[in-house]
Amino acid sequence: MRRRLLVQVMAIAALPLFVAPAFAAGEGGSGGQTTTTCKKGEVWDKKKNKCVKPQYGMLDDDSIYEAGHDLAMAGRYDEAISVLTLAANKQDPRILNYLGYSHRHSGRVTVGLGYYEEALRIDPNYTLVREYLGEAHLQIGDLAGAQQQLQEIEKRTGKGSREYGMLSEQIDHFLRS
């Protein structure tokens, strides 16, 4: 327990070295969505409606998820991982999904697979995880694994869903290359 606490304290202390500007959506005064750019070492806190330095327990998990998601989508995978690991709920499938996504895109595909599998253990109907898991299978050359995820998505949402279309396209590209 002490070792775990020490690791968390060290991670929090080192966080400003790794977390760079985050682009996150927040609600503007006009009721529309605005994009806020935070300076290095800060993330958007939608409750406070301003940029803050992330610290364990300071931000709610929704803000942590949004900041981690935005960093991952911006290709800042290691920064996303640093932010997402601050979440209080370590079993939130959304957090696990983007930890998997960020690790996978950082070249740690096996680590990413573990996060995806954990997210699906908690919520087997989370089709975005299934789509990303299928892409991970393609990364390691496992066409059958990707096709299995495509079938699971089809069972849950049909062929017309965004996730089905995206994974189907990735499989087609894999087969053509």
C-alpha atoms as a PDB file:
ATOM      1  CA  MET A   1       0.000   0.000   0.000  1.00  0.00           C
ATOM      2  CA  ARG A   2       2.782   2.447   0.899  1.00  0.00           C
ATOM      3  CA  ARG A   3       4.640   1.612  -2.291  1.00  0.00           C
ATOM      4  CA  ARG A   4       1.508   2.252  -4.360  1.00  0.00           C
ATOM      5  CA  LEU A   5       0.953   5.582  -2.611  1.00  0.00           C
ATOM      6  CA  LEU A   6       4.593   6.538  -3.177  1.00  0.00           C
ATOM      7  CA  VAL A   7       4.272   5.703  -6.882  1.00  0.00           C
ATOM      8  CA  GLN A   8       1.118   7.828  -7.119  1.00  0.00           C
ATOM      9  CA  VAL A   9       2.758  10.770  -5.360  1.00  0.00           C
ATOM     10  CA  MET A  10       5.786  10.508  -7.647  1.00  0.00           C
ATOM     11  CA  ALA A  11       3.540  10.340 -10.714  1.00  0.00           C
ATOM     12  CA  ILE A  12       1.623  13.421  -9.609  1.00  0.00           C
ATOM     13  CA  ALA A  13       4.829  15.321  -8.900  1.00  0.00           C
ATOM     14  CA  ALA A  14       6.193  14.440 -12.335  1.00  0.00           C
ATOM     15  CA  LEU A  15       2.955  15.114 -14.203  1.00  0.00           C
ATOM     16  CA  PRO A  16       3.690  18.749 -15.101  1.00  0.00           C
ATOM     17  CA  LEU A  17       6.754  17.494 -16.962  1.00  0.00           C
ATOM     18  CA  PHE A  18       4.620  15.327 -19.243  1.00  0.00           C
ATOM     19  CA  VAL A  19       1.247  17.011 -19.616  1.00  0.00           C
ATOM     20  CA  ALA A  20       1.253  19.606 -22.348  1.00  0.00           C
ATOM     21  CA  PRO A  21      -1.574  21.762 -23.664  1.00  0.00           C
ATOM     22  CA  ALA A  22      -4.894  19.995 -23.768  1.00  0.00           C
ATOM     23  CA  PHE A  23      -7.657  20.862 -26.149  1.00  0.00           C
ATOM     24  CA  ALA A  24     -10.997  20.182 -24.554  1.00  0.00           C
ATOM     25  CA  ALA A  25     -14.555  21.161 -25.189  1.00  0.00           C
ATOM     26  CA  GLY A  26     -16.384  23.100 -22.557  1.00  0.00           C
ATOM     27  CA  GLU A  27     -19.708  24.878 -22.422  1.00  0.00           C
ATOM     28  CA  GLY A  28     -19.475  28.533 -23.263  1.00  0.00           C
ATOM     29  CA  GLY A  29     -21.686  31.219 -21.789  1.00  0.00           C
ATOM     30  CA  SER A  30     -23.756  31.241 -24.976  1.00  0.00           C
ATOM     31  CA  GLY A  31     -24.723  27.617 -24.485  1.00  0.00           C
ATOM     32  CA  GLY A  32     -22.582  26.529 -27.440  1.00  0.00           C
ATOM     33  CA  GLN A  33     -19.476  24.443 -27.264  1.00  0.00           C
ATOM     34  CA  THR A  34     -16.158  26.289 -27.175  1.00  0.00           C
ATOM     35  CA  THR A  35     -12.667  24.949 -27.489  1.00  0.00           C
ATOM     36  CA  THR A  36     -10.202  26.004 -24.832  1.00  0.00           C
ATOM     37  CA  THR A  37      -6.458  25.734 -25.194  1.00  0.00           C
ATOM     38  CA  CYS A  38      -4.690  25.295 -21.890  1.00  0.00           C
ATOM     39  CA  LYS A  39      -1.069  26.188 -21.356  1.00  0.00           C
ATOM     40  CA  LYS A  40       1.561  23.534 -20.767  1.00  0.00           C
ATOM     41  CA  GLY A  41       0.873  21.418 -17.680  1.00  0.00           C
ATOM     42  CA  GLU A  42      -2.851  22.243 -17.496  1.00  0.00           C
ATOM     43  CA  VAL A  43      -6.128  20.634 -18.534  1.00  0.00           C
ATOM     44  CA  TRP A  44      -9.660  22.012 -18.891  1.00  0.00           C
ATOM     45  CA  ASP A  45     -11.880  21.666 -15.808  1.00  0.00           C
ATOM     46  CA  LYS A  46     -15.472  21.996 -16.998  1.00  0.00           C
ATOM     47  CA  LYS A  47     -16.817  22.467 -13.478  1.00  0.00           C
ATOM     48  CA  LYS A  48     -14.507  25.403 -12.812  1.00  0.00           C
ATOM     49  CA  ASN A  49     -14.730  26.499 -16.442  1.00  0.00           C
ATOM     50  CA  LYS A  50     -10.990  27.135 -16.609  1.00  0.00           C
ATOM     51  CA  CYS A  51      -7.627  25.468 -17.121  1.00  0.00           C
ATOM     52  CA  VAL A  52      -6.102  23.864 -14.027  1.00  0.00           C
ATOM     53  CA  LYS A  53      -3.037  21.814 -13.146  1.00  0.00           C
ATOM     54  CA  PRO A  54      -4.163  18.185 -12.946  1.00  0.00           C
ATOM     55  CA  GLN A  55      -3.667  16.485  -9.612  1.00  0.00           C
ATOM     56  CA  TYR A  56      -4.909  13.172  -8.301  1.00  0.00           C
ATOM     57  CA  GLY A  57      -8.399  13.658  -6.859  1.00  0.00           C
ATOM     58  CA  MET A  58      -8.676  17.284  -7.980  1.00  0.00           C
ATOM     59  CA  LEU A  59     -10.566  16.774 -11.248  1.00  0.00           C
ATOM     60  CA  ASP A  60     -13.710  14.749 -11.646  1.00  0.00           C
ATOM     61  CA  ASP A  61     -13.405  11.673 -13.831  1.00  0.00           C
ATOM     62  CA  ASP A  62     -15.486  13.228 -16.615  1.00  0.00           C
ATOM     63  CA  SER A  63     -12.970  16.080 -16.933  1.00  0.00           C
ATOM     64  CA  ILE A  64     -10.088  13.607 -16.801  1.00  0.00           C
ATOM     65  CA  TYR A  65     -11.745  11.495 -19.502  1.00  0.00           C
ATOM     66  CA  GLU A  66     -12.371  14.496 -21.747  1.00  0.00           C
ATOM     67  CA  ALA A  67      -8.820  15.809 -21.380  1.00  0.00           C
ATOM     68  CA  GLY A  68      -7.340  12.326 -21.925  1.00  0.00           C
ATOM     69  CA  HIS A  69      -9.563  11.726 -24.932  1.00  0.00           C
ATOM     70  CA  ASP A  70      -8.623  15.056 -26.486  1.00  0.00           C
ATOM     71  CA  LEU A  71      -4.912  14.474 -25.924  1.00  0.00           C
ATOM     72  CA  ALA A  72      -5.179  10.984 -27.452  1.00  0.00           C
ATOM     73  CA  MET A  73      -7.070  12.298 -30.480  1.00  0.00           C
ATOM     74  CA  ALA A  74      -4.385  14.972 -30.912  1.00  0.00           C
ATOM     75  CA  GLY A  75      -1.747  12.222 -31.062  1.00  0.00           C
ATOM     76  CA  ARG A  76      -0.294  13.069 -27.644  1.00  0.00           C
ATOM     77  CA  TYR A  77      -0.509   9.538 -26.344  1.00  0.00           C
ATOM     78  CA  ASP A  78       1.938   9.621 -23.441  1.00  0.00           C
ATOM     79  CA  GLU A  79       0.339  12.821 -22.163  1.00  0.00           C
ATOM     80  CA  ALA A  80      -3.104  11.219 -22.464  1.00  0.00           C
ATOM     81  CA  ILE A  81      -1.897   8.242 -20.434  1.00  0.00           C
ATOM     82  CA  SER A  82      -0.545  10.569 -17.729  1.00  0.00           C
ATOM     83  CA  VAL A  83      -3.889  12.338 -17.443  1.00  0.00           C
ATOM     84  CA  LEU A  84      -6.096   9.232 -17.693  1.00  0.00           C
ATOM     85  CA  THR A  85      -4.223   7.475 -14.887  1.00  0.00           C
ATOM     86  CA  LEU A  86      -5.430  10.235 -12.529  1.00  0.00           C
ATOM     87  CA  ALA A  87      -9.018   8.945 -12.723  1.00  0.00           C
ATOM     88  CA  ALA A  88     -10.483   7.874  -9.387  1.00  0.00           C
ATOM     89  CA  ASN A  89     -12.565   5.130 -11.033  1.00  0.00           C
ATOM     90  CA  LYS A  90      -9.951   2.795 -12.497  1.00  0.00           C
ATOM     91  CA  GLN A  91     -12.774   0.596 -13.846  1.00  0.00           C
ATOM     92  CA  ASP A  92     -14.433   3.257 -16.028  1.00  0.00           C
ATOM     93  CA  PRO A  93     -14.622   1.628 -19.488  1.00  0.00           C
ATOM     94  CA  ARG A  94     -14.155   5.024 -21.174  1.00  0.00           C
ATOM     95  CA  ILE A  95     -10.890   5.582 -19.298  1.00  0.00           C
ATOM     96  CA  LEU A  96      -9.731   2.015 -20.014  1.00  0.00           C
ATOM     97  CA  ASN A  97     -10.604   2.439 -23.694  1.00  0.00           C
ATOM     98  CA  TYR A  98      -8.436   5.524 -24.153  1.00  0.00           C
ATOM     99  CA  LEU A  99      -5.627   4.061 -22.074  1.00  0.00           C
ATOM    100  CA  GLY A 100      -5.730   1.144 -24.522  1.00  0.00           C
ATOM    101  CA  TYR A 101      -5.904   3.475 -27.506  1.00  0.00           C
ATOM    102  CA  SER A 102      -2.989   5.592 -26.292  1.00  0.00           C
ATOM    103  CA  HIS A 103      -0.782   2.634 -25.451  1.00  0.00           C
ATOM    104  CA  ARG A 104      -1.575   0.981 -28.790  1.00  0.00           C
ATOM    105  CA  HIS A 105      -0.732   4.096 -30.764  1.00  0.00           C
ATOM    106  CA  SER A 106       2.476   4.491 -28.760  1.00  0.00           C
ATOM    107  CA  GLY A 107       3.582   1.089 -30.028  1.00  0.00           C
ATOM    108  CA  ARG A 108       2.618  -0.854 -26.898  1.00  0.00           C
ATOM    109  CA  VAL A 109      -0.066  -2.917 -28.634  1.00  0.00           C
ATOM    110  CA  THR A 110      -0.054  -5.736 -26.071  1.00  0.00           C
ATOM    111  CA  VAL A 111      -0.616  -3.266 -23.226  1.00  0.00           C
ATOM    112  CA  GLY A 112      -3.424  -1.672 -25.235  1.00  0.00           C
ATOM    113  CA  LEU A 113      -5.051  -5.076 -25.768  1.00  0.00           C
ATOM    114  CA  GLY A 114      -5.144  -5.590 -22.004  1.00  0.00           C
ATOM    115  CA  TYR A 115      -6.956  -2.298 -21.420  1.00  0.00           C
ATOM    116  CA  TYR A 116      -9.468  -3.061 -24.183  1.00  0.00           C
ATOM    117  CA  GLU A 117     -10.160  -6.522 -22.771  1.00  0.00           C
ATOM    118  CA  GLU A 118     -10.704  -5.065 -19.294  1.00  0.00           C
ATOM    119  CA  ALA A 119     -13.110  -2.440 -20.678  1.00  0.00           C
ATOM    120  CA  LEU A 120     -15.087  -5.176 -22.457  1.00  0.00           C
ATOM    121  CA  ARG A 121     -15.158  -7.332 -19.339  1.00  0.00           C
ATOM    122  CA  ILE A 122     -16.958  -4.433 -17.636  1.00  0.00           C
ATOM    123  CA  ASP A 123     -19.131  -3.413 -20.611  1.00  0.00           C
ATOM    124  CA  PRO A 124     -19.294  -6.016 -23.400  1.00  0.00           C
ATOM    125  CA  ASN A 125     -21.601  -3.736 -25.412  1.00  0.00           C
ATOM    126  CA  TYR A 126     -19.095  -0.870 -25.693  1.00  0.00           C
ATOM    127  CA  THR A 127     -18.703  -1.061 -29.468  1.00  0.00           C
ATOM    128  CA  LEU A 128     -16.069   1.676 -29.756  1.00  0.00           C
ATOM    129  CA  VAL A 129     -13.773  -0.521 -27.662  1.00  0.00           C
ATOM    130  CA  ARG A 130     -14.572  -3.425 -29.971  1.00  0.00           C
ATOM    131  CA  GLU A 131     -13.682  -1.325 -33.005  1.00  0.00           C
ATOM    132  CA  TYR A 132     -10.337  -0.265 -31.492  1.00  0.00           C
ATOM    133  CA  LEU A 133      -9.678  -3.834 -30.338  1.00  0.00           C
ATOM    134  CA  GLY A 134     -10.269  -5.009 -33.915  1.00  0.00           C
ATOM    135  CA  GLU A 135      -7.761  -2.430 -35.159  1.00  0.00           C
ATOM    136  CA  ALA A 136      -5.255  -3.663 -32.578  1.00  0.00           C
ATOM    137  CA  HIS A 137      -5.714  -7.211 -33.835  1.00  0.00           C
ATOM    138  CA  LEU A 138      -4.967  -6.002 -37.349  1.00  0.00           C
ATOM    139  CA  GLN A 139      -1.821  -4.274 -36.088  1.00  0.00           C
ATOM    140  CA  ILE A 140      -0.475  -7.612 -34.905  1.00  0.00           C
ATOM    141  CA  GLY A 141      -1.644  -9.421 -38.051  1.00  0.00           C
ATOM    142  CA  ASP A 142      -4.611 -11.196 -36.430  1.00  0.00           C
ATOM    143  CA  LEU A 143      -7.290 -10.910 -39.123  1.00  0.00           C
ATOM    144  CA  ALA A 144      -9.522 -13.500 -37.421  1.00  0.00           C
ATOM    145  CA  GLY A 145      -9.496 -11.485 -34.174  1.00  0.00           C
ATOM    146  CA  ALA A 146     -10.495  -8.320 -36.048  1.00  0.00           C
ATOM    147  CA  GLN A 147     -13.268 -10.139 -37.909  1.00  0.00           C
ATOM    148  CA  GLN A 148     -14.571 -11.529 -34.606  1.00  0.00           C
ATOM    149  CA  GLN A 149     -14.856  -7.989 -33.217  1.00  0.00           C
ATOM    150  CA  LEU A 150     -16.631  -6.887 -36.407  1.00  0.00           C
ATOM    151  CA  GLN A 151     -19.173  -9.696 -35.897  1.00  0.00           C
ATOM    152  CA  GLU A 152     -19.646  -8.635 -32.254  1.00  0.00           C
ATOM    153  CA  ILE A 153     -20.278  -5.038 -33.335  1.00  0.00           C
ATOM    154  CA  GLU A 154     -22.780  -6.227 -35.953  1.00  0.00           C
ATOM    155  CA  LYS A 155     -24.652  -8.275 -33.316  1.00  0.00           C
ATOM    156  CA  ARG A 156     -24.966  -5.223 -31.074  1.00  0.00           C
ATOM    157  CA  THR A 157     -25.531  -2.336 -33.488  1.00  0.00           C
ATOM    158  CA  GLY A 158     -25.898  -3.713 -37.010  1.00  0.00           C
ATOM    159  CA  LYS A 159     -23.931  -2.957 -40.131  1.00  0.00           C
ATOM    160  CA  GLY A 160     -25.027   0.666 -40.227  1.00  0.00           C
ATOM    161  CA  SER A 161     -23.149   1.783 -37.120  1.00  0.00           C
ATOM    162  CA  ARG A 162     -20.128   4.063 -37.249  1.00  0.00           C
ATOM    163  CA  GLU A 163     -17.966   1.494 -35.452  1.00  0.00           C
ATOM    164  CA  TYR A 164     -18.947  -1.272 -37.862  1.00  0.00           C
ATOM    165  CA  GLY A 165     -18.140   0.922 -40.859  1.00  0.00           C
ATOM    166  CA  MET A 166     -14.786   2.018 -39.478  1.00  0.00           C
ATOM    167  CA  LEU A 167     -13.572  -1.483 -38.575  1.00  0.00           C
ATOM    168  CA  SER A 168     -14.932  -2.949 -41.815  1.00  0.00           C
ATOM    169  CA  GLU A 169     -12.939  -0.335 -43.737  1.00  0.00           C
ATOM    170  CA  GLN A 170      -9.782  -1.152 -41.753  1.00  0.00           C
ATOM    171  CA  ILE A 171     -10.239  -4.872 -42.474  1.00  0.00           C
ATOM    172  CA  ASP A 172     -10.720  -4.172 -46.182  1.00  0.00           C
ATOM    173  CA  HIS A 173      -7.555  -2.057 -46.203  1.00  0.00           C
ATOM    174  CA  PHE A 174      -5.675  -4.844 -44.375  1.00  0.00           C
ATOM    175  CA  LEU A 175      -6.814  -7.406 -46.963  1.00  0.00           C
ATOM    176  CA  ARG A 176      -5.768  -5.151 -49.875  1.00  0.00           C
ATOM    177  CA  SER A 177      -2.271  -4.528 -48.507  1.00  0.00           C
END
